[in-house]
Amino acid sequence: MIRHNSLFVRPPFAVVAAGIAVVVFVAVIGITPGSSSNTSQMSQFVSFWWSRISPRGYAQYMLAHTERFYALDGARFCSSPQDRYRAWQTLLAETDAESLFQHLFETGSPAGRLYALIGLSKLDSPALEPLLSQASRDTSSVQFTNRIPTNWIRLPLSELVNREWLGNWADSLSSMPECAT
């Protein structure tokens, strides 16, 4: 029988696993960017990682729950993975984009319904006409701005439903470049 007299004792598995977990946790926290916005740090952390791990799921959630719509020139601004512009572009790029936008219209907030109509307009969907008719009677309010610095106003969805505007906003959202993050 051969005996090995080693100078090093192998540490227990739990200690090694815990050490690796701490290093990974610190690395993840360290590369998550902070922000000076009024949202909580935890919310920013979740949004940052969710938008990268599951872009489609995050996009659906983000647009369904948003209360604001920015009507800004897409060529002048860039979008990060966790904002509503990138969420809209993510859904537009999906193979089942038309059904995703229809579902968003049915289940989303008033601003989410506006993003859905813009998506259906961009896709030149036959489902757009009946939804436009429905939205033209919708008095739910949307926080809306079309300028910088932002001056938010509340408008009924019915006042924002205009085929020409939808087309212009679709072109603007489509042309928005991604920020270097």
Protein backbone atom coordinates (compact mmCIF):
# COMPACT_ATOMS: atom_id res chain seq x y z
CA MET A 1 0.00 0.00 0.00
CA ILE A 2 1.40 3.36 -1.06
CA ARG A 3 0.91 6.36 1.16
CA HIS A 4 1.10 9.91 0.03
CA ASN A 5 2.13 12.41 2.60
CA SER A 6 0.95 15.68 1.17
CA LEU A 7 1.81 19.02 2.68
CA PHE A 8 -1.47 20.49 1.46
CA VAL A 9 -4.83 19.47 2.79
CA ARG A 10 -7.67 19.77 0.33
CA PRO A 11 -10.29 22.25 1.66
CA PRO A 12 -13.90 21.10 2.02
CA PHE A 13 -16.11 21.51 -1.06
CA ALA A 14 -18.53 23.89 0.70
CA VAL A 15 -15.74 26.35 1.50
CA VAL A 16 -14.50 26.37 -2.11
CA ALA A 17 -18.06 26.73 -3.50
CA ALA A 18 -18.85 29.58 -1.09
CA GLY A 19 -15.63 31.37 -2.05
CA ILE A 20 -16.41 31.10 -5.75
CA ALA A 21 -19.98 32.30 -5.15
CA VAL A 22 -18.72 35.38 -3.29
CA VAL A 23 -16.29 36.23 -6.09
CA VAL A 24 -19.04 35.86 -8.73
CA PHE A 25 -21.48 37.95 -6.68
CA VAL A 26 -18.96 40.76 -6.23
CA ALA A 27 -18.13 40.66 -9.96
CA VAL A 28 -21.81 40.86 -10.95
CA ILE A 29 -22.42 43.79 -8.60
CA GLY A 30 -19.25 45.46 -9.82
CA ILE A 31 -20.17 45.38 -13.52
CA THR A 32 -23.79 46.45 -13.04
CA PRO A 33 -23.93 50.16 -13.84
CA GLY A 34 -25.52 52.57 -11.40
CA SER A 35 -27.80 55.41 -12.30
CA SER A 36 -28.86 58.72 -10.87
CA SER A 37 -32.51 58.22 -11.78
CA ASN A 38 -35.25 58.03 -9.18
CA THR A 39 -35.73 54.27 -9.50
CA SER A 40 -34.39 52.04 -6.75
CA GLN A 41 -30.94 50.48 -7.00
CA MET A 42 -32.47 46.99 -6.83
CA SER A 43 -34.90 47.80 -9.64
CA GLN A 44 -32.01 49.02 -11.80
CA PHE A 45 -30.03 45.88 -11.01
CA VAL A 46 -32.93 43.58 -11.95
CA SER A 47 -33.71 45.55 -15.12
CA PHE A 48 -30.07 45.53 -16.22
CA TRP A 49 -29.67 41.75 -15.92
CA TRP A 50 -33.20 40.74 -16.97
CA SER A 51 -32.88 42.76 -20.19
CA ARG A 52 -29.71 40.86 -21.06
CA ILE A 53 -30.65 37.35 -19.93
CA SER A 54 -34.19 37.33 -21.36
CA PRO A 55 -34.62 40.26 -23.75
CA ARG A 56 -37.99 39.09 -25.08
CA GLY A 57 -39.51 38.50 -21.63
CA TYR A 58 -38.18 41.80 -20.37
CA ALA A 59 -39.47 43.65 -23.46
CA GLN A 60 -42.97 42.25 -23.03
CA TYR A 61 -43.04 43.19 -19.35
CA MET A 62 -41.49 46.64 -19.87
CA LEU A 63 -43.91 47.71 -22.59
CA ALA A 64 -46.99 46.22 -20.92
CA HIS A 65 -46.31 48.20 -17.74
CA THR A 66 -44.89 51.49 -19.00
CA GLU A 67 -46.87 54.65 -18.35
CA ARG A 68 -44.85 56.99 -20.56
CA PHE A 69 -44.33 57.54 -24.26
CA TYR A 70 -41.45 59.62 -25.61
CA ALA A 71 -42.06 60.96 -29.13
CA LEU A 72 -38.46 61.90 -29.82
CA ASP A 73 -36.30 61.75 -32.91
CA GLY A 74 -34.59 58.36 -32.80
CA ALA A 75 -31.56 59.49 -34.74
CA ARG A 76 -30.62 61.92 -31.95
CA PHE A 77 -30.69 59.43 -29.07
CA CYS A 78 -29.32 56.00 -28.33
CA SER A 79 -31.08 53.31 -26.37
CA SER A 80 -29.82 50.93 -23.73
CA PRO A 81 -31.05 47.33 -23.43
CA GLN A 82 -33.28 48.16 -20.49
CA ASP A 83 -35.27 51.08 -21.94
CA ARG A 84 -38.60 51.02 -23.74
CA TYR A 85 -37.08 51.85 -27.13
CA ARG A 86 -34.91 48.75 -27.10
CA ALA A 87 -37.84 46.73 -25.73
CA TRP A 88 -39.95 47.82 -28.72
CA GLN A 89 -37.14 46.96 -31.14
CA THR A 90 -36.71 43.56 -29.47
CA LEU A 91 -40.37 42.68 -30.03
CA LEU A 92 -40.26 44.00 -33.59
CA ALA A 93 -37.35 41.68 -34.40
CA GLU A 94 -39.21 38.55 -33.22
CA THR A 95 -40.67 36.19 -35.83
CA ASP A 96 -44.07 36.40 -34.12
CA ALA A 97 -43.93 40.18 -33.67
CA GLU A 98 -47.45 40.74 -34.97
CA SER A 99 -49.02 38.46 -32.35
CA LEU A 100 -46.77 39.93 -29.63
CA PHE A 101 -47.96 43.46 -30.46
CA GLN A 102 -51.59 42.31 -30.60
CA HIS A 103 -51.21 40.73 -27.16
CA LEU A 104 -49.54 43.90 -25.89
CA PHE A 105 -52.50 45.93 -27.13
CA GLU A 106 -54.93 43.63 -25.32
CA THR A 107 -53.06 43.48 -22.01
CA GLY A 108 -50.86 46.56 -21.84
CA SER A 109 -51.13 49.92 -20.15
CA PRO A 110 -52.37 52.84 -22.30
CA ALA A 111 -48.77 53.72 -23.23
CA GLY A 112 -48.12 50.02 -23.90
CA ARG A 113 -51.11 49.98 -26.26
CA LEU A 114 -49.62 52.96 -28.09
CA TYR A 115 -46.32 51.09 -28.51
CA ALA A 116 -48.32 48.11 -29.79
CA LEU A 117 -50.09 50.23 -32.40
CA ILE A 118 -46.76 51.67 -33.51
CA GLY A 119 -45.37 48.14 -33.89
CA LEU A 120 -48.37 46.97 -35.90
CA SER A 121 -48.06 50.09 -38.06
CA LYS A 122 -44.39 49.30 -38.74
CA LEU A 123 -45.34 45.72 -39.69
CA ASP A 124 -48.18 47.00 -41.90
CA SER A 125 -50.42 44.52 -40.11
CA PRO A 126 -54.03 43.93 -41.17
CA ALA A 127 -54.87 43.81 -37.44
CA LEU A 128 -54.04 47.52 -37.17
CA GLU A 129 -57.34 48.89 -38.52
CA PRO A 130 -59.71 47.33 -35.98
CA LEU A 131 -57.31 48.19 -33.14
CA LEU A 132 -57.03 51.79 -34.38
CA SER A 133 -60.80 52.02 -34.32
CA GLN A 134 -60.87 50.69 -30.77
CA ALA A 135 -58.03 52.98 -29.64
CA SER A 136 -59.70 56.06 -31.14
CA ARG A 137 -62.42 55.66 -28.47
CA ASP A 138 -59.95 54.98 -25.61
CA THR A 139 -59.86 57.82 -23.08
CA SER A 140 -57.16 56.24 -20.86
CA SER A 141 -54.35 58.72 -20.28
CA VAL A 142 -50.77 58.40 -21.49
CA GLN A 143 -47.88 60.44 -20.14
CA PHE A 144 -46.50 61.99 -23.30
CA THR A 145 -43.63 64.26 -24.26
CA ASN A 146 -42.06 65.29 -27.53
CA ARG A 147 -39.25 67.48 -26.34
CA ILE A 148 -36.10 67.77 -24.30
CA PRO A 149 -36.01 68.78 -21.51
CA THR A 150 -39.01 66.61 -20.84
CA ASN A 151 -42.29 68.32 -20.15
CA TRP A 152 -44.75 65.51 -19.43
CA ILE A 153 -48.40 65.98 -20.22
CA ARG A 154 -51.26 63.53 -19.88
CA LEU A 155 -53.25 62.92 -23.04
CA PRO A 156 -55.97 60.42 -23.79
CA LEU A 157 -54.79 57.60 -26.01
CA SER A 158 -57.49 58.58 -28.51
CA GLU A 159 -55.70 61.92 -29.15
CA LEU A 160 -52.44 60.14 -29.97
CA VAL A 161 -53.91 57.65 -32.42
CA ASN A 162 -53.12 59.02 -35.85
CA ARG A 163 -51.92 56.82 -38.71
CA GLU A 164 -49.33 59.34 -39.87
CA TRP A 165 -47.93 59.83 -36.36
CA LEU A 166 -47.77 56.08 -35.80
CA GLY A 167 -45.73 55.70 -38.99
CA ASN A 168 -43.39 58.55 -38.03
CA TRP A 169 -42.89 57.16 -34.52
CA ALA A 170 -42.27 53.67 -35.94
CA ASP A 171 -39.54 55.06 -38.20
CA SER A 172 -38.05 57.00 -35.29
CA LEU A 173 -38.03 53.99 -32.95
CA SER A 174 -36.59 51.78 -35.67
CA SER A 175 -33.71 54.13 -36.36
CA MET A 176 -32.62 54.55 -32.74
CA PRO A 177 -29.05 53.23 -32.35
CA GLU A 178 -27.93 51.21 -29.36
CA CYS A 179 -25.87 52.99 -26.71
CA ALA A 180 -22.38 51.77 -26.00
CA THR A 181 -22.92 49.97 -22.69
